[in-house]
Amino acid sequence: MAENQHDLDEIWPQWKEAVTMSPSQLETWLDTEESRWVGQKEDGGESVGHRSGRRIIDILRTKRDDLTDGDVEHMRTVVGYVHRHLAQKPSKEDIETSKWRYSLMNWGHDPLA
């Protein structure tokens, strides 16, 4: 359980707004080729966002009272990423099939939902 309940209370509404995909939607998305070809990859392997998506699924499936401080910290990271990335919305490309959308989806946010 998160030791600092205040931190969890603070991030919770932002998390609920940022993560718009259900665990099953995110799991299905992460199994696609499109999810694998976006994002920054470390050592040519899995992208940071793709790995984050797997962690998001675990957090979404965890009862709020059972979240750890590490979970809360990752929730903050996700909220920050989603907010920054939303501000970079491309103006002249098809959003539905854009790398921008695909990257956000790896982080649990579908801007078209």
Protein backbone atom coordinates (compact mmCIF):
# COMPACT_ATOMS: atom_id res chain seq x y z
CA MET A 1 0.00 0.00 0.00
CA ALA A 2 1.20 3.50 -0.79
CA GLU A 3 2.65 5.04 2.34
CA ASN A 4 1.82 8.57 1.32
CA GLN A 5 -1.95 8.60 0.87
CA HIS A 6 -1.79 12.33 0.11
CA ASP A 7 0.28 11.66 -3.03
CA LEU A 8 -2.21 9.05 -4.21
CA ASP A 9 -5.16 11.34 -3.50
CA GLU A 10 -3.45 14.10 -5.50
CA ILE A 11 -2.58 12.02 -8.58
CA TRP A 12 -5.72 9.84 -8.68
CA PRO A 13 -8.06 12.26 -10.56
CA GLN A 14 -5.30 13.17 -13.02
CA TRP A 15 -4.58 9.47 -13.60
CA LYS A 16 -8.26 8.73 -14.25
CA GLU A 17 -8.33 11.54 -16.82
CA ALA A 18 -5.06 10.59 -18.51
CA VAL A 19 -5.59 6.83 -18.77
CA THR A 20 -8.65 6.42 -20.98
CA MET A 21 -8.14 2.80 -21.99
CA SER A 22 -9.31 -0.20 -19.98
CA PRO A 23 -6.83 -2.93 -19.08
CA SER A 24 -8.25 -5.22 -21.78
CA GLN A 25 -8.20 -2.47 -24.43
CA LEU A 26 -4.60 -1.65 -23.59
CA GLU A 27 -3.60 -5.31 -23.52
CA THR A 28 -5.15 -5.85 -26.97
CA TRP A 29 -3.44 -2.72 -28.30
CA LEU A 30 -0.02 -3.74 -26.97
CA ASP A 31 -0.30 -7.00 -28.92
CA THR A 32 -0.42 -5.12 -32.24
CA GLU A 33 2.48 -4.43 -34.59
CA GLU A 34 1.57 -0.71 -34.59
CA SER A 35 2.17 -0.50 -30.87
CA ARG A 36 5.67 -1.91 -31.31
CA TRP A 37 6.91 0.45 -34.01
CA VAL A 38 6.52 3.72 -32.10
CA GLY A 39 8.48 5.16 -29.23
CA GLN A 40 12.02 5.36 -28.01
CA LYS A 41 13.65 1.95 -27.83
CA GLU A 42 16.44 1.05 -25.47
CA ASP A 43 19.04 -1.33 -26.93
CA GLY A 44 16.79 -2.01 -29.92
CA GLY A 45 14.25 -3.83 -27.77
CA GLU A 46 10.90 -2.82 -26.33
CA SER A 47 10.08 0.88 -26.31
CA VAL A 48 9.78 2.81 -23.07
CA GLY A 49 6.08 3.47 -23.77
CA HIS A 50 5.31 -0.15 -24.58
CA ARG A 51 6.91 -1.28 -21.32
CA SER A 52 5.01 1.47 -19.50
CA GLY A 53 1.77 0.18 -21.02
CA ARG A 54 2.35 -3.23 -19.45
CA ARG A 55 2.91 -1.55 -16.07
CA ILE A 56 -0.25 0.54 -16.55
CA ILE A 57 -2.26 -2.64 -17.06
CA ASP A 58 -0.97 -3.96 -13.73
CA ILE A 59 -1.82 -0.70 -11.96
CA LEU A 60 -5.32 -0.62 -13.46
CA ARG A 61 -5.92 -4.15 -12.20
CA THR A 62 -4.73 -3.31 -8.69
CA LYS A 63 -7.13 -2.12 -6.01
CA ARG A 64 -6.49 1.50 -5.10
CA ASP A 65 -5.73 0.57 -1.48
CA ASP A 66 -3.10 -1.93 -2.66
CA LEU A 67 -1.09 0.51 -4.81
CA THR A 68 2.53 0.96 -3.78
CA ASP A 69 4.63 4.10 -3.70
CA GLY A 70 6.29 2.81 -6.88
CA ASP A 71 2.88 2.52 -8.54
CA VAL A 72 2.02 6.09 -7.54
CA GLU A 73 5.34 7.30 -8.95
CA HIS A 74 4.64 5.54 -12.26
CA MET A 75 1.16 7.06 -12.30
CA ARG A 76 2.81 10.50 -12.04
CA THR A 77 5.13 9.62 -14.90
CA VAL A 78 2.19 8.54 -17.06
CA VAL A 79 0.18 11.68 -16.32
CA GLY A 80 3.18 13.87 -17.14
CA TYR A 81 3.87 12.04 -20.39
CA VAL A 82 0.25 12.15 -21.55
CA HIS A 83 -0.07 15.88 -20.80
CA ARG A 84 3.19 16.73 -22.59
CA HIS A 85 2.39 14.54 -25.58
CA LEU A 86 -1.17 15.87 -25.97
CA ALA A 87 0.33 19.35 -26.28
CA GLN A 88 2.31 18.15 -29.32
CA LYS A 89 -0.75 17.18 -31.36
CA PRO A 90 0.14 17.22 -35.05
CA SER A 91 -1.88 19.59 -37.17
CA LYS A 92 -1.50 18.15 -40.64
CA GLU A 93 -1.64 14.40 -40.52
CA ASP A 94 -4.27 11.74 -40.14
CA ILE A 95 -4.54 11.45 -36.36
CA GLU A 96 -6.16 8.00 -36.45
CA THR A 97 -3.06 6.28 -37.83
CA SER A 98 -0.43 8.70 -36.55
CA LYS A 99 2.64 7.80 -34.53
CA TRP A 100 1.46 10.51 -32.13
CA ARG A 101 -1.76 8.61 -31.35
CA TYR A 102 -0.04 5.23 -31.27
CA SER A 103 2.52 6.50 -28.80
CA LEU A 104 -0.20 7.90 -26.54
CA MET A 105 -2.05 4.59 -26.71
CA ASN A 106 1.06 2.78 -25.47
CA TRP A 107 0.73 5.01 -22.41
CA GLY A 108 -2.96 4.13 -21.96
CA HIS A 109 -4.50 7.21 -23.58
CA ASP A 110 -6.51 7.07 -26.81
CA PRO A 111 -7.08 10.67 -27.93
CA LEU A 112 -9.93 9.51 -30.17
CA ALA A 113 -11.86 7.81 -27.38
